[in-house]
Every structure is written in structure tokens, then in C-alpha cells.
């Protein structure tokens, strides 16, 4: 999920440390790692939700279900239960209040995620009335910044700053864990950055370095995990490959890395790319440059509906053994087709079909248009990702789905080589997707044509009577147990 990006302010607030991430087994006690599982649950409308949280004008009115990732937490004294949407694409924790017009409505839409009443907590402290986060269509939340105690799993922080949405158009609270420069207090109120959750964990000595790893597992799994300050080396294949995060206007503000190629099976779709892509756990789908998306649609047979901002594909392709390969200079993450094919039904419960009666499913890639390219959950589930904010690096490997063992190592600090991780030699720097750079390299279209710059994604008529739809099976929320 992306709030309005903040990249041209407070560059001096960011650490420019160049020491590499270091993984280490502690010999003097258990690793200083804070971790907890995530569990899935269903909600509605992935395409519309992504649109609310991305730049651009992607339009959608589908009634679909989606994949989100939640952490169970409590705030205040006595504890007030929350389910917080884990979001690597934003930086603020914020929650709803029960008295808002949204949460006090007849349907009680905030009941699932929980609310926070400041005056009911004896440990609450007021910070200021300048919390105001918004998204591209004007949705968002506004109210106060406060501080209070927070507990995640068995770990408690005595004091953490967060926002309260006294006015809000989102029913669940957000746990933004990105760079502190992207906090709305910095970009909108002109304030100094404050310690968000991972930064405060470092300040409190709970973890050694401002870094965490994310393992979402596959669509059929009931749990995944997030580890603050640690890596589980049993949850990925081979070794981690370390890539530099790309700057925006000279500033590290978001988790942008460089995509250099895309394949489908043995077929090359795009090569010699230098495309900045945003790793965003708050985005249900993946959004690629239009020419690249069009080429993928042609090769997999997806049909795009511009009114919905989404593409549809025969559900039978979920069993296709070919994978979509995403290349990042040298590491390649292979995404199975069954992670890209999302089952949909009509609101009356009947299967959604193409005009010839073939079962139709939502495809997990959509065109980015004029927006930043995003690798959302349809990609992230196939990757084990370490977000190293302290050193401005991403370490990535092919995930091990449904790993049955654990081997957690602590992320420390220092310049030594990384156990189970290797810097990517001659990693490509992004020339497209940062600033005004246009797409580089070659994209091969299905009929043998090529595109070397942004082109419009294929716009076809809706392949079926859409009506009200709901995505099932793959449409899930992950909530920490």
C-alpha cells in the first residue's frame, strides 16, 4: 500500500550506512529476533483496494476478495486488540477509533480489525494533531499522533508513536514498516521523522539492526511469518542474493529494486531491462510496465478489461507447469502459474466464465500505466525477502513453500560477509521507473513484434458478463495468530 510518496524532503534524516547485513548465530543466548506467524482470512475487492493505494488512475468496481497480511497486536493499558495490515509500502502505524463515523456505522465495519480509544488507556500520551494520510482517490485517515504501549506476540514496546484515525475511510489499521522518511509527519507536517515499529525495536534493544524478513508461503498455506531482526534459513532455497535499493531523487524512501528481465518458461518476454519495481506487501496484485504486461498477456492468453483494470485467464492455467521468471541482474525468482491465477465467482455463487463457457479467473498481473511498477503479493509469495533498511539493501531468494523446519539466525551489524547471502556482482541500476526515465531494453510481443518503450496494454472487451464478482480460494487476508 502506498501513501503519497515523500522523496524530496529530509534527506539528511536517512542513514547512509554502507555496512552489509550480517547474519549470526548467537552463542550467548537466544537470537535477538522478534517474530510471529501470519494467518489468512478473506475480505473483498483486491483491484479496487490496490487502486486506492497506488499512484495513477487504475479504475475498478469488482466485488472480489483479496490477499492481505495482518498481525495481531494490542495497544494501550488495558490492552485493546488490533489486527494490523502489514504494509512494506508505507511507514506509519495507524488505527481507527470506535467513535468515528465509519466505525460507529450500523454494519460495524471496524469490528474485524479492532479500534483504539485513547482515553481508555492509562499509558496513552498525546503527540500532536497532525496525522493525515491519504491515497490517490482521496481516501485515508486523519486525526492525532499519540504514543502508547504495543504488544506483538510475546514482545512489548513500552512506547511507540502512531496515528489515530478520528476520520477514516479504511476499516482496518495499517502497520507501515517502511523508511521513516516516508512517514506522513515528515512529508505533510514538515516534522522530523520519528521511530516507527522496526526503528523503535532497534532503539529498545529488541533487535540489533533495522531489518526484517518476510515469508508469505503459498496460497494454500494457512500461515507465513515475519521476523524482525532475523532470517529463517530453512524457508528459502540456496543462498540469498543482495541487491541495492534504488534512490529516488537521491533519497532512499521506498523498497525499489531493479528488474532486468521476465521470462515465461523458456520464452524470453523482456530482456536488458533496468526497471525500478517497488516491493509492496500492501498490493494484492503485481503491476508492470504496460508493454511488458501486454507481452505477458499475449503469451498466457489473458484478456484485459480496461473498465475493470484487470485481466482474466482460463482457470485451467493454474495447473500449467511453466513459471514466470523475474530476473534481478543475476537472481531469478520463479513464480508458479497457480500463484497468478485467482478463482472468481459471480455474486450468485456461480462460476464466472468466458463466452465459450470456459471457467474464467483473475490474473495476478495488471498494467502499471503511469504509476510506479509494483511487485505485489502475487510475486512476493514466491520469494523470501529480507528488507535491510539500515544498509539500504534487499536480499532475496526463491521461497521454500510449506517449510516444516526452522533455523532462525540474527541479523547483526558489521562488514563481514553474510552467511547464506552474497552481494550481486555488477547489479544493474534502474534507469526507468525512477524520476522520468523511460523503459529500457526489449519486450517481445507474442506475434514476434517488439516494444522498446512504454506502450498501452491490450484493451479487449470484457470476456464475460462480469456483474458482481467475488474471488475465492486465493482471496485471503493473513492475520497473525
Protein backbone atom coordinates (compact mmCIF):
# COMPACT_ATOMS: atom_id res chain seq x y z
CA UNK A 1 0.00 0.00 0.00
CA UNK A 2 1.42 3.34 -0.99
CA UNK A 3 0.59 6.65 0.61
CA UNK A 4 1.59 9.85 -1.17
CA UNK A 5 5.33 9.34 -1.69
CA UNK A 6 7.72 11.56 0.23
CA UNK A 7 11.09 11.70 -1.52
CA UNK A 8 12.19 15.30 -1.81
CA UNK A 9 12.36 16.13 1.91
CA UNK A 10 14.59 15.47 4.88
CA UNK A 11 17.28 13.52 3.06
CA UNK A 12 19.60 14.22 5.95
CA UNK A 13 17.39 12.13 8.22
CA UNK A 14 18.34 8.91 6.44
CA UNK A 15 21.25 6.70 7.41
CA UNK A 16 23.75 6.25 4.62
CA UNK A 17 25.48 3.33 6.33
CA UNK A 18 27.21 1.09 3.81
CA UNK A 19 27.99 -1.85 6.08
CA UNK A 20 26.45 -5.04 4.79
CA UNK A 21 23.78 -7.09 6.51
CA UNK A 22 25.30 -9.77 8.72
CA UNK A 23 23.56 -12.96 9.87
CA UNK A 24 24.89 -14.55 13.01
CA UNK A 25 24.03 -17.40 15.38
CA UNK A 26 24.22 -16.11 18.96
CA UNK A 27 26.24 -18.23 21.37
CA UNK A 28 25.37 -16.25 24.50
CA UNK A 29 21.62 -16.81 24.39
CA UNK A 30 18.64 -16.87 22.04
CA UNK A 31 18.78 -14.62 18.94
CA UNK A 32 17.51 -11.06 19.34
CA UNK A 33 14.68 -11.60 16.87
CA UNK A 34 11.02 -10.64 17.13
CA UNK A 35 8.82 -12.93 15.04
CA UNK A 36 5.28 -14.17 14.74
CA UNK A 37 3.17 -16.17 12.27
CA UNK A 38 0.64 -14.69 9.88
CA UNK A 39 -2.68 -16.37 9.14
CA UNK A 40 -5.03 -15.85 6.23
CA UNK A 41 -8.63 -14.64 6.16
CA UNK A 42 -10.94 -13.37 3.41
CA UNK A 43 -12.07 -9.81 2.64
CA UNK A 44 -13.24 -8.01 -0.51
CA UNK A 45 -12.01 -6.31 -3.70
CA UNK A 46 -8.25 -6.55 -4.45
CA UNK A 47 -8.24 -4.43 -7.61
CA UNK A 48 -10.16 -1.57 -6.02
CA UNK A 49 -8.03 -1.72 -2.88
CA UNK A 50 -4.82 -1.60 -4.87
CA UNK A 51 -6.17 1.41 -6.76
CA UNK A 52 -6.73 3.29 -3.50
CA UNK A 53 -3.12 2.80 -2.53
CA UNK A 54 -1.21 3.38 -5.75
CA UNK A 55 -0.41 6.41 -7.86
CA UNK A 56 -2.31 6.70 -11.09
CA UNK A 57 -5.85 6.18 -12.29
CA UNK A 58 -6.46 2.42 -12.36
CA UNK A 59 -10.24 2.06 -12.23
CA UNK A 60 -12.05 -0.95 -10.77
CA UNK A 61 -15.52 -1.80 -9.49
CA UNK A 62 -15.16 -5.56 -8.99
CA UNK A 63 -16.53 -7.17 -5.85
CA UNK A 64 -13.56 -9.52 -5.44
CA UNK A 65 -11.72 -10.92 -2.45
CA UNK A 66 -8.04 -10.28 -1.95
CA UNK A 67 -4.82 -11.25 -0.22
CA UNK A 68 -3.65 -9.06 2.64
CA UNK A 69 -1.32 -9.78 5.53
CA UNK A 70 -2.21 -8.96 9.13
CA UNK A 71 -0.52 -9.04 12.53
CA UNK A 72 -2.39 -9.44 15.79
CA UNK A 73 -1.39 -6.80 18.32
CA UNK A 74 -2.66 -4.93 21.36
CA UNK A 75 -2.38 -1.23 22.16
CA UNK A 76 -2.70 0.56 25.48
CA UNK A 77 -3.41 -0.31 29.11
CA UNK A 78 -5.64 -2.27 29.47
CA UNK A 79 -4.89 -3.94 26.16
CA UNK A 80 -7.09 -3.11 23.15
CA UNK A 81 -6.93 -5.80 20.45
CA UNK A 82 -5.94 -4.89 16.88
CA UNK A 83 -5.44 -6.70 13.58
CA UNK A 84 -2.93 -4.58 11.69
CA UNK A 85 -2.37 -4.81 7.95
CA UNK A 86 1.37 -5.34 7.44
CA UNK A 87 2.50 -2.92 4.75
CA UNK A 88 6.04 -2.55 3.43
CA UNK A 89 4.87 0.24 1.10
CA UNK A 90 4.12 2.78 3.85
CA UNK A 91 5.75 3.79 7.13
CA UNK A 92 3.11 4.79 9.70
CA UNK A 93 1.18 2.62 12.11
CA UNK A 94 -2.33 3.95 12.41
CA UNK A 95 -5.58 2.63 13.85
CA UNK A 96 -9.25 3.57 13.87
CA UNK A 97 -11.17 4.92 16.83
CA UNK A 98 -14.58 3.40 17.73
CA UNK A 99 -16.32 6.79 17.70
CA UNK A 100 -15.54 7.63 14.06
CA UNK A 101 -18.47 7.85 11.65
CA UNK A 102 -17.07 4.87 9.76
CA UNK A 103 -16.58 2.55 12.72
CA UNK A 104 -19.81 3.53 14.50
CA UNK A 105 -21.93 2.70 11.46
CA UNK A 106 -24.68 0.10 11.63
CA UNK A 107 -22.60 -2.64 9.97
CA UNK A 108 -19.67 -2.11 12.39
CA UNK A 109 -17.04 -2.42 9.62
CA UNK A 110 -14.13 -1.96 12.02
CA UNK A 111 -15.10 -4.89 14.24
CA UNK A 112 -12.79 -7.36 12.48
CA UNK A 113 -9.66 -5.23 12.69
CA UNK A 114 -10.36 -3.59 16.06
CA UNK A 115 -10.29 0.02 17.26
CA UNK A 116 -8.37 2.09 19.80
CA UNK A 117 -9.87 4.53 22.32
CA UNK A 118 -7.09 6.78 23.61
CA UNK A 119 -8.92 7.92 26.74
CA UNK A 120 -9.45 4.30 27.79
CA UNK A 121 -5.70 3.74 28.11
CA UNK A 122 -3.76 4.81 31.20
CA UNK A 123 -0.49 4.78 29.24
CA UNK A 124 -1.67 6.97 26.34
CA UNK A 125 0.25 10.15 25.57
CA UNK A 126 -0.77 12.88 23.10
CA UNK A 127 1.84 13.92 20.49
CA UNK A 128 0.07 16.26 18.07
CA UNK A 129 -2.96 16.77 15.82
CA UNK A 130 -1.14 16.45 12.50
CA UNK A 131 -1.72 12.84 11.48
CA UNK A 132 -3.20 12.92 7.96
CA UNK A 133 -2.59 10.11 5.49
CA UNK A 134 -4.34 9.96 2.12
CA UNK A 135 -4.33 7.94 -1.08
CA UNK A 136 -4.78 8.85 -4.70
CA UNK A 137 -8.59 8.91 -4.72
CA UNK A 138 -8.82 11.00 -1.52
CA UNK A 139 -9.41 8.09 0.86
CA UNK A 140 -7.35 7.78 4.02
CA UNK A 141 -7.43 8.82 7.65
CA UNK A 142 -6.79 11.91 9.76
CA UNK A 143 -6.53 12.67 13.46
CA UNK A 144 -3.85 12.69 16.16
CA UNK A 145 -0.40 11.27 16.59
CA UNK A 146 -0.11 9.62 20.01
CA UNK A 147 2.17 7.19 21.78
CA UNK A 148 1.28 4.14 23.85
CA UNK A 149 2.43 0.65 24.66
CA UNK A 150 2.15 -2.03 21.98
CA UNK A 151 2.42 -5.81 22.21
CA UNK A 152 3.05 -8.11 19.24
CA UNK A 153 3.18 -11.79 20.13
CA UNK A 154 5.22 -12.00 23.31
CA UNK A 155 7.09 -8.73 22.68
CA UNK A 156 6.05 -5.43 24.27
CA UNK A 157 7.30 -1.94 23.43
CA UNK A 158 6.54 0.46 26.25
CA UNK A 159 6.22 3.48 23.96
CA UNK A 160 5.53 3.68 20.23
CA UNK A 161 4.22 6.63 18.22
CA UNK A 162 1.26 6.00 15.89
CA UNK A 163 -1.73 7.73 14.34
CA UNK A 164 -5.41 7.61 15.31
CA UNK A 165 -7.96 7.94 12.52
CA UNK A 166 -10.74 10.07 14.01
CA UNK A 167 -11.95 10.39 10.43
CA UNK A 168 -11.25 7.42 8.18
CA UNK A 169 -12.39 5.61 5.07
CA UNK A 170 -10.47 2.36 5.75
CA UNK A 171 -11.87 -0.21 8.17
CA UNK A 172 -8.56 -1.77 9.19
CA UNK A 173 -5.49 -0.29 10.81
CA UNK A 174 -2.20 -0.23 8.93
CA UNK A 175 1.22 -1.31 10.20
CA UNK A 176 3.58 0.56 7.87
CA UNK A 177 7.15 -0.68 8.25
CA UNK A 178 8.97 1.24 5.51
CA UNK A 179 11.55 4.02 5.70
CA UNK A 180 10.83 6.67 8.33
CA UNK A 181 11.32 9.42 5.74
CA UNK A 182 8.07 8.22 4.16
CA UNK A 183 6.05 8.96 7.30
CA UNK A 184 3.29 11.48 6.71
CA UNK A 185 4.56 13.52 9.66
CA UNK A 186 7.64 14.27 7.57
CA UNK A 187 6.04 14.92 4.20
CA UNK A 188 2.85 16.69 5.25
CA UNK A 189 3.58 18.29 8.61
CA UNK A 190 7.25 19.03 7.99
CA UNK A 191 8.23 17.34 11.24
CA UNK A 192 11.31 15.27 11.96
CA UNK A 193 10.97 11.55 11.37
CA UNK A 194 10.02 9.51 14.43
CA UNK A 195 10.84 5.88 15.27
CA UNK A 196 8.25 3.64 13.62
CA UNK A 197 7.97 0.00 14.71
CA UNK A 198 11.22 -1.51 13.35
CA UNK A 199 13.24 1.60 14.26
CA UNK A 200 11.82 1.56 17.81
CA UNK A 201 12.65 -2.13 18.17
CA UNK A 202 16.28 -1.21 17.47
CA UNK A 203 16.16 1.72 19.90
CA UNK A 204 14.73 -0.54 22.62
CA UNK A 205 17.40 -3.18 22.06
CA UNK A 206 14.90 -5.83 20.95
CA UNK A 207 16.73 -6.35 17.64
CA UNK A 208 20.26 -5.45 16.57
CA UNK A 209 19.57 -3.94 13.16
CA UNK A 210 16.70 -2.22 11.39
CA UNK A 211 15.95 -5.16 9.12
CA UNK A 212 13.29 -7.85 8.81
CA UNK A 213 12.41 -10.83 6.65
CA UNK A 214 9.05 -11.74 5.12
CA UNK A 215 7.86 -15.24 4.18
CA UNK A 216 4.28 -15.34 2.96
CA UNK A 217 4.18 -19.00 1.86
CA UNK A 218 1.79 -20.17 -0.88
CA UNK A 219 -1.91 -19.56 -1.45
CA UNK A 220 -2.93 -22.90 0.02
CA UNK A 221 -0.93 -22.47 3.23
CA UNK A 222 -2.59 -21.29 6.43
CA UNK A 223 0.40 -19.36 7.80
CA UNK A 224 3.50 -17.40 6.88
CA UNK A 225 5.82 -15.32 9.07
CA UNK A 226 7.64 -12.05 9.58
CA UNK A 227 10.89 -11.85 11.54
CA UNK A 228 12.16 -8.50 12.79
CA UNK A 229 15.93 -8.65 13.17
CA UNK A 230 16.27 -12.19 11.84
CA UNK A 231 16.22 -14.63 8.95
CA UNK A 232 14.95 -18.22 8.87
CA UNK A 233 17.40 -20.01 6.59
CA UNK A 234 15.11 -23.05 6.30
CA UNK A 235 12.47 -21.01 4.48
CA UNK A 236 14.37 -20.35 1.24
CA UNK A 237 16.31 -22.29 -1.37
CA UNK A 238 20.05 -21.84 -1.90
CA UNK A 239 21.55 -18.53 -0.83
CA UNK A 240 20.20 -15.02 -0.51
CA UNK A 241 21.25 -12.57 -3.22
CA UNK A 242 21.74 -8.99 -2.01
CA UNK A 243 20.64 -6.10 -4.23
CA UNK A 244 20.96 -2.34 -3.68
CA UNK A 245 17.78 -0.38 -3.04
CA UNK A 246 17.37 2.35 -5.67
CA UNK A 247 17.27 6.00 -4.66
CA UNK A 248 14.50 8.39 -5.68
CA UNK A 249 15.74 11.94 -6.23
CA UNK A 250 18.86 10.99 -4.33
CA UNK A 251 16.94 9.65 -1.33
CA UNK A 252 16.21 6.14 -0.04
CA UNK A 253 12.46 6.31 0.51
CA UNK A 254 10.89 3.07 -0.74
CA UNK A 255 11.86 -0.53 -1.44
CA UNK A 256 12.73 -0.11 -5.12
CA UNK A 257 14.98 -2.69 -6.78
CA UNK A 258 15.89 -3.19 -10.45
CA UNK A 259 14.03 -5.72 -12.60
CA UNK A 260 16.20 -6.72 -15.57
CA UNK A 261 14.13 -9.35 -17.36
CA UNK A 262 11.00 -11.50 -17.46
CA UNK A 263 10.54 -15.00 -18.90
CA UNK A 264 7.71 -17.50 -19.23
CA UNK A 265 9.10 -20.99 -19.23
CA UNK A 266 11.86 -20.96 -21.85
CA UNK A 267 10.42 -17.92 -23.64
CA UNK A 268 12.02 -14.53 -23.07
CA UNK A 269 9.39 -11.81 -22.61
CA UNK A 270 11.64 -8.89 -21.63
CA UNK A 271 15.42 -8.56 -21.53
CA UNK A 272 18.08 -5.91 -20.91
CA UNK A 273 15.70 -4.02 -18.66
CA UNK A 274 16.64 -1.50 -15.98
CA UNK A 275 13.15 -1.10 -14.49
CA UNK A 276 12.65 0.07 -10.92
CA UNK A 277 9.98 -2.03 -9.19
CA UNK A 278 8.51 -1.50 -5.74
CA UNK A 279 8.29 -4.43 -3.32
CA UNK A 280 4.93 -3.78 -1.66
CA UNK A 281 3.18 -6.32 0.59
CA UNK A 282 0.19 -3.97 0.70
CA UNK A 283 -0.55 -4.54 -3.00
CA UNK A 284 -2.55 -7.66 -3.81
CA UNK A 285 -1.57 -7.82 -7.49
CA UNK A 286 1.64 -7.13 -9.43
CA UNK A 287 1.75 -4.06 -11.71
CA UNK A 288 4.30 -3.99 -14.54
CA UNK A 289 5.04 -1.52 -17.36
CA UNK A 290 2.32 -1.66 -20.00
CA UNK A 291 4.41 -3.12 -22.84
CA UNK A 292 5.73 -5.84 -20.57
CA UNK A 293 2.22 -6.60 -19.30
CA UNK A 294 0.85 -6.78 -22.84
CA UNK A 295 3.55 -9.27 -23.81
CA UNK A 296 2.75 -11.46 -20.80
CA UNK A 297 -0.98 -11.32 -21.62
CA UNK A 298 -0.28 -12.46 -25.17
CA UNK A 299 1.83 -15.42 -24.17
CA UNK A 300 -0.51 -16.69 -21.42
CA UNK A 301 -3.73 -15.83 -23.27
CA UNK A 302 -5.06 -13.31 -20.74
CA UNK A 303 -7.79 -10.87 -21.77
CA UNK A 304 -7.69 -7.36 -20.32
CA UNK A 305 -10.75 -5.29 -19.43
CA UNK A 306 -9.82 -1.62 -19.25
CA UNK A 307 -13.00 -0.73 -17.34
CA UNK A 308 -12.09 -3.12 -14.56
CA UNK A 309 -8.34 -2.53 -14.72
CA UNK A 310 -7.83 -6.28 -14.58
CA UNK A 311 -7.17 -9.27 -16.83
CA UNK A 312 -8.84 -12.68 -16.95
CA UNK A 313 -7.41 -16.06 -17.82
CA UNK A 314 -8.73 -19.63 -18.10
CA UNK A 315 -8.66 -21.17 -14.63
CA UNK A 316 -7.12 -24.33 -16.10
CA UNK A 317 -3.83 -22.47 -16.50
CA UNK A 318 -3.32 -22.79 -12.75
CA UNK A 319 -2.09 -26.31 -13.49
CA UNK A 320 0.35 -25.12 -16.18
CA UNK A 321 3.84 -26.23 -15.16
CA UNK A 322 5.56 -23.20 -16.68
CA UNK A 323 6.66 -20.40 -14.40
CA UNK A 324 7.05 -16.66 -14.77
CA UNK A 325 10.68 -15.78 -14.12
CA UNK A 326 11.61 -12.37 -12.71
CA UNK A 327 15.30 -11.55 -13.18
CA UNK A 328 17.18 -9.08 -10.96
CA UNK A 329 20.65 -8.83 -12.59
CA UNK A 330 21.51 -12.42 -11.63
CA UNK A 331 18.98 -13.87 -9.15
CA UNK A 332 15.77 -15.14 -10.75
CA UNK A 333 12.55 -15.70 -8.80
CA UNK A 334 10.26 -18.25 -10.44
CA UNK A 335 6.54 -17.68 -9.83
CA UNK A 336 4.29 -20.71 -10.48
CA UNK A 337 1.17 -20.07 -12.53
CA UNK A 338 -1.05 -21.27 -9.67
CA UNK A 339 0.13 -18.21 -7.70
CA UNK A 340 -1.07 -15.94 -10.53
CA UNK A 341 -4.49 -17.48 -11.21
CA UNK A 342 -7.17 -16.29 -8.77
CA UNK A 343 -10.54 -18.03 -8.79
CA UNK A 344 -13.60 -15.81 -9.23
CA UNK A 345 -17.32 -16.46 -8.97
CA UNK A 346 -20.43 -14.43 -9.67
CA UNK A 347 -22.24 -12.90 -6.72
CA UNK A 348 -24.87 -15.64 -7.01
CA UNK A 349 -22.16 -18.23 -6.39
CA UNK A 350 -22.00 -19.50 -9.96
CA UNK A 351 -18.64 -19.87 -11.72
CA UNK A 352 -17.55 -16.94 -13.87
CA UNK A 353 -16.99 -17.98 -17.48
CA UNK A 354 -15.77 -16.70 -20.80
CA UNK A 355 -18.31 -16.53 -23.64
CA UNK A 356 -17.41 -20.07 -24.73
CA UNK A 357 -18.17 -21.48 -21.28
CA UNK A 358 -14.53 -21.77 -20.15
CA UNK A 359 -14.05 -21.03 -16.44
CA UNK A 360 -12.52 -17.56 -16.01
CA UNK A 361 -10.10 -16.48 -13.27
CA UNK A 362 -8.49 -13.17 -12.34
CA UNK A 363 -4.86 -12.91 -13.47
CA UNK A 364 -2.33 -11.65 -10.93
CA UNK A 365 -0.59 -9.06 -13.16
CA UNK A 366 -2.04 -5.72 -14.29
CA UNK A 367 -0.62 -2.74 -16.24
CA UNK A 368 1.05 -0.03 -14.17
CA UNK A 369 0.13 2.75 -16.59
CA UNK A 370 1.79 5.97 -15.44
CA UNK A 371 2.31 4.59 -11.92
CA UNK A 372 5.35 3.01 -10.35
CA UNK A 373 5.75 -0.67 -11.22
CA UNK A 374 4.89 -2.81 -8.19
CA UNK A 375 5.75 -6.37 -7.22
CA UNK A 376 2.79 -7.21 -5.02
CA UNK A 377 1.68 -10.33 -3.21
CA UNK A 378 1.28 -12.41 -6.38
CA UNK A 379 5.08 -12.11 -6.71
CA UNK A 380 6.14 -11.84 -3.06
CA UNK A 381 4.66 -15.19 -2.08
CA UNK A 382 7.28 -16.92 -4.25
CA UNK A 383 10.22 -15.01 -2.76
CA UNK A 384 11.89 -14.92 0.63
CA UNK A 385 12.76 -11.26 1.13
CA UNK A 386 15.00 -9.52 3.66
CA UNK A 387 14.35 -5.78 3.91
CA UNK A 388 17.54 -4.17 5.26
CA UNK A 389 16.68 -0.55 6.00
CA UNK A 390 19.91 0.02 7.91
CA UNK A 391 22.07 -0.68 4.86
CA UNK A 392 19.61 0.14 2.05
CA UNK A 393 19.63 -3.37 0.61
CA UNK A 394 17.20 -6.13 -0.30
CA UNK A 395 18.27 -9.76 -0.02
CA UNK A 396 16.12 -12.21 -1.97
CA UNK A 397 15.87 -15.93 -2.68
CA UNK A 398 13.39 -18.46 -4.01
CA UNK A 399 11.00 -19.32 -1.21
CA UNK A 400 10.58 -22.82 0.19
CA UNK A 401 6.83 -23.33 0.25
CA UNK A 402 5.44 -25.04 3.36
CA UNK A 403 8.80 -25.38 5.11
CA UNK A 404 8.48 -27.79 8.05
CA UNK A 405 11.62 -26.80 9.98
CA UNK A 406 13.02 -23.53 11.31
CA UNK A 407 16.57 -22.23 11.66
CA UNK A 408 16.50 -18.60 12.78
CA UNK A 409 19.66 -16.52 12.69
CA UNK A 410 20.02 -12.99 13.96
CA UNK A 411 20.73 -10.05 11.67
CA UNK A 412 23.56 -8.14 13.33
CA UNK A 413 25.73 -5.27 12.10
CA UNK A 414 29.20 -5.19 10.63
CA UNK A 415 31.11 -5.52 7.40
CA UNK A 416 31.77 -9.28 7.31
CA UNK A 417 30.37 -11.42 4.51
CA UNK A 418 26.78 -12.51 5.02
CA UNK A 419 26.24 -16.18 5.86
CA UNK A 420 23.73 -17.53 3.31
CA UNK A 421 23.87 -14.22 1.40
CA UNK A 422 26.03 -12.88 -1.40
CA UNK A 423 26.17 -9.42 -2.96
CA UNK A 424 25.06 -9.45 -6.59
CA UNK A 425 28.06 -8.56 -8.74
CA UNK A 426 27.57 -5.61 -11.11
CA UNK A 427 23.93 -5.16 -10.12
CA UNK A 428 22.10 -3.00 -12.67
CA UNK A 429 20.95 0.44 -11.54
CA UNK A 430 17.45 1.47 -12.51
CA UNK A 431 17.07 3.93 -15.38
CA UNK A 432 13.29 3.52 -15.74
CA UNK A 433 10.68 4.00 -13.05
CA UNK A 434 12.75 6.50 -11.05
CA UNK A 435 12.38 10.11 -11.99
CA UNK A 436 11.36 10.46 -15.63
CA UNK A 437 13.30 7.51 -17.07
CA UNK A 438 11.52 5.53 -19.79
CA UNK A 439 11.54 1.77 -20.19
CA UNK A 440 14.84 0.35 -21.45
CA UNK A 441 15.70 -2.88 -23.21
CA UNK A 442 13.43 -5.04 -25.35
CA UNK A 443 10.00 -6.54 -24.77
CA UNK A 444 8.99 -9.29 -27.18
CA UNK A 445 5.32 -9.48 -28.10
CA UNK A 446 3.67 -12.81 -28.73
CA UNK A 447 3.47 -12.46 -32.54
CA UNK A 448 7.13 -11.60 -32.88
CA UNK A 449 6.90 -7.82 -32.60
CA UNK A 450 8.97 -5.88 -30.13
CA UNK A 451 8.49 -2.83 -27.94
CA UNK A 452 11.31 -0.71 -26.59
CA UNK A 453 9.32 1.87 -24.69
CA UNK A 454 6.05 2.12 -22.79
CA UNK A 455 3.04 1.07 -24.82
CA UNK A 456 -0.60 0.66 -23.97
CA UNK A 457 -1.62 -2.71 -22.61
CA UNK A 458 -4.00 -4.64 -24.81
CA UNK A 459 -7.56 -3.44 -24.26
CA UNK A 460 -10.17 -6.05 -25.05
CA UNK A 461 -13.86 -6.14 -24.36
CA UNK A 462 -14.86 -7.91 -21.13
CA UNK A 463 -14.73 -11.64 -21.93
CA UNK A 464 -17.76 -12.45 -19.83
CA UNK A 465 -20.77 -10.89 -18.17
CA UNK A 466 -18.98 -9.55 -15.11
CA UNK A 467 -21.73 -8.46 -12.76
CA UNK A 468 -20.84 -8.61 -9.09
CA UNK A 469 -17.91 -10.93 -8.51
CA UNK A 470 -16.08 -12.49 -5.60
CA UNK A 471 -12.64 -14.06 -5.63
CA UNK A 472 -12.46 -17.20 -3.56
CA UNK A 473 -9.75 -19.60 -2.52
CA UNK A 474 -6.87 -17.27 -3.39
CA UNK A 475 -8.68 -14.25 -1.98
CA UNK A 476 -7.42 -14.12 1.56
CA UNK A 477 -6.17 -11.97 4.41
CA UNK A 478 -3.27 -13.13 6.54
CA UNK A 479 -3.67 -12.42 10.24
CA UNK A 480 -1.07 -13.21 12.89
CA UNK A 481 -2.23 -15.89 15.30
